[in-house]
């Protein structure tokens, strides 16, 4: 998984415009990934991660 440095380098090299929509999209994707990893880490095999 690329790190923030890799992303910054790609944006610089590709000279992509960075606007609020791009930052929001990246933050949303990062938060979703972190949440998925946390859910997987804290779940018990064979049980649902959703509270009942």
N, C-alpha and C. Protein backbone atom coordinates (compact mmCIF):
# COMPACT_ATOMS: atom_id res chain seq x y z
N UNK A 1 0.86 -1.17 0.00
CA UNK A 1 0.00 0.00 0.00
C UNK A 1 0.91 1.23 0.00
N UNK A 2 0.71 2.13 -0.94
CA UNK A 2 1.56 3.32 -0.99
C UNK A 2 1.30 4.24 0.20
N UNK A 3 2.35 4.89 0.62
CA UNK A 3 2.23 5.82 1.73
C UNK A 3 1.93 7.22 1.26
N UNK A 4 1.80 8.12 2.20
CA UNK A 4 1.49 9.51 1.89
C UNK A 4 2.60 10.15 1.06
N UNK A 5 3.84 9.78 1.32
CA UNK A 5 4.96 10.30 0.55
C UNK A 5 4.87 9.92 -0.92
N UNK A 6 4.47 8.68 -1.18
CA UNK A 6 4.30 8.22 -2.56
C UNK A 6 3.19 9.00 -3.25
N UNK A 7 2.12 9.25 -2.53
CA UNK A 7 1.01 10.02 -3.09
C UNK A 7 1.44 11.45 -3.40
N UNK A 8 2.13 12.08 -2.46
CA UNK A 8 2.60 13.45 -2.68
C UNK A 8 3.54 13.51 -3.87
N UNK A 9 4.43 12.53 -3.98
CA UNK A 9 5.36 12.49 -5.11
C UNK A 9 4.61 12.34 -6.43
N UNK A 10 3.62 11.47 -6.45
CA UNK A 10 2.86 11.26 -7.68
C UNK A 10 2.13 12.53 -8.08
N UNK A 11 1.53 13.21 -7.12
CA UNK A 11 0.83 14.46 -7.43
C UNK A 11 1.80 15.50 -7.98
N UNK A 12 2.98 15.57 -7.39
CA UNK A 12 3.99 16.53 -7.83
C UNK A 12 4.49 16.19 -9.23
N UNK A 13 4.80 14.92 -9.45
CA UNK A 13 5.35 14.50 -10.74
C UNK A 13 4.30 14.64 -11.84
N UNK A 14 3.07 14.25 -11.54
CA UNK A 14 2.00 14.32 -12.55
C UNK A 14 1.43 15.73 -12.68
N UNK A 15 1.79 16.60 -11.74
CA UNK A 15 1.33 17.99 -11.73
C UNK A 15 -0.20 18.07 -11.73
N UNK A 16 -0.81 17.21 -10.89
CA UNK A 16 -2.27 17.21 -10.79
C UNK A 16 -2.73 18.34 -9.88
N UNK A 17 -3.83 18.96 -10.21
CA UNK A 17 -4.36 20.00 -9.33
C UNK A 17 -4.92 19.37 -8.06
N UNK A 18 -4.62 19.98 -6.93
CA UNK A 18 -5.13 19.50 -5.66
C UNK A 18 -6.18 20.50 -5.20
N UNK A 19 -7.43 20.03 -5.16
CA UNK A 19 -8.51 20.90 -4.72
C UNK A 19 -9.23 20.24 -3.55
N UNK A 20 -10.23 20.91 -3.04
CA UNK A 20 -10.97 20.39 -1.88
C UNK A 20 -11.59 19.02 -2.16
N UNK A 21 -12.09 18.82 -3.37
CA UNK A 21 -12.73 17.55 -3.71
C UNK A 21 -11.72 16.41 -3.67
N UNK A 22 -10.50 16.64 -4.17
CA UNK A 22 -9.48 15.60 -4.15
C UNK A 22 -9.08 15.27 -2.72
N UNK A 23 -8.87 16.29 -1.90
CA UNK A 23 -8.48 16.07 -0.51
C UNK A 23 -9.59 15.33 0.24
N UNK A 24 -10.84 15.73 0.01
CA UNK A 24 -11.97 15.05 0.65
C UNK A 24 -12.05 13.60 0.22
N UNK A 25 -11.88 13.34 -1.06
CA UNK A 25 -11.92 11.96 -1.56
C UNK A 25 -10.81 11.11 -0.98
N UNK A 26 -9.61 11.65 -0.90
CA UNK A 26 -8.49 10.91 -0.34
C UNK A 26 -8.71 10.64 1.15
N UNK A 27 -9.20 11.63 1.88
CA UNK A 27 -9.46 11.46 3.31
C UNK A 27 -10.56 10.43 3.54
N UNK A 28 -11.59 10.45 2.71
CA UNK A 28 -12.69 9.48 2.83
C UNK A 28 -12.18 8.07 2.57
N UNK A 29 -11.37 7.90 1.54
CA UNK A 29 -10.82 6.58 1.21
C UNK A 29 -9.90 6.09 2.32
N UNK A 30 -9.07 6.97 2.86
CA UNK A 30 -8.17 6.59 3.94
C UNK A 30 -8.95 6.18 5.18
N UNK A 31 -9.97 6.95 5.53
CA UNK A 31 -10.79 6.63 6.70
C UNK A 31 -11.50 5.30 6.53
N UNK A 32 -12.00 5.02 5.33
CA UNK A 32 -12.68 3.76 5.06
C UNK A 32 -11.71 2.58 5.21
N UNK A 33 -10.51 2.76 4.71
CA UNK A 33 -9.50 1.70 4.83
C UNK A 33 -9.11 1.45 6.27
N UNK A 34 -8.91 2.50 7.03
CA UNK A 34 -8.55 2.36 8.44
C UNK A 34 -9.69 1.70 9.21
N UNK A 35 -10.92 2.10 8.93
CA UNK A 35 -12.08 1.51 9.60
C UNK A 35 -12.19 0.03 9.27
N UNK A 36 -11.99 -0.34 8.01
CA UNK A 36 -12.06 -1.75 7.61
C UNK A 36 -10.98 -2.57 8.31
N UNK A 37 -9.77 -2.03 8.40
CA UNK A 37 -8.70 -2.75 9.10
C UNK A 37 -9.01 -2.89 10.58
N UNK A 38 -9.53 -1.85 11.20
CA UNK A 38 -9.86 -1.90 12.62
C UNK A 38 -10.98 -2.91 12.86
N UNK A 39 -11.99 -2.91 12.01
CA UNK A 39 -13.09 -3.86 12.15
C UNK A 39 -12.59 -5.30 12.02
N UNK A 40 -11.70 -5.51 11.07
CA UNK A 40 -11.15 -6.86 10.85
C UNK A 40 -10.28 -7.27 12.04
N UNK A 41 -9.52 -6.33 12.56
CA UNK A 41 -8.62 -6.62 13.68
C UNK A 41 -9.40 -6.95 14.95
N UNK A 42 -10.52 -6.27 15.17
CA UNK A 42 -11.28 -6.44 16.40
C UNK A 42 -12.39 -7.48 16.31
N UNK A 43 -12.60 -8.08 15.15
CA UNK A 43 -13.67 -9.05 15.02
C UNK A 43 -13.18 -10.43 15.45
N UNK A 44 -14.09 -11.25 15.92
CA UNK A 44 -13.79 -12.61 16.32
C UNK A 44 -14.17 -13.51 15.14
N UNK A 45 -13.24 -14.39 14.72
CA UNK A 45 -13.56 -15.26 13.58
C UNK A 45 -14.87 -16.01 13.80
N UNK A 46 -15.72 -16.00 12.79
CA UNK A 46 -16.99 -16.68 12.85
C UNK A 46 -18.12 -15.83 13.41
N UNK A 47 -17.81 -14.63 13.91
CA UNK A 47 -18.84 -13.74 14.43
C UNK A 47 -18.91 -12.48 13.58
N UNK A 48 -20.05 -11.87 13.55
CA UNK A 48 -20.25 -10.64 12.79
C UNK A 48 -19.57 -9.49 13.52
N UNK A 49 -18.99 -8.55 12.76
CA UNK A 49 -18.38 -7.36 13.35
C UNK A 49 -19.44 -6.34 13.74
N UNK A 50 -20.69 -6.52 13.23
CA UNK A 50 -21.78 -5.60 13.52
C UNK A 50 -22.35 -5.90 14.90
N UNK A 51 -22.62 -4.86 15.71
CA UNK A 51 -23.25 -5.12 17.00
C UNK A 51 -24.69 -5.58 16.81
N UNK A 52 -25.16 -6.46 17.69
CA UNK A 52 -26.52 -6.98 17.55
C UNK A 52 -27.50 -6.26 18.44
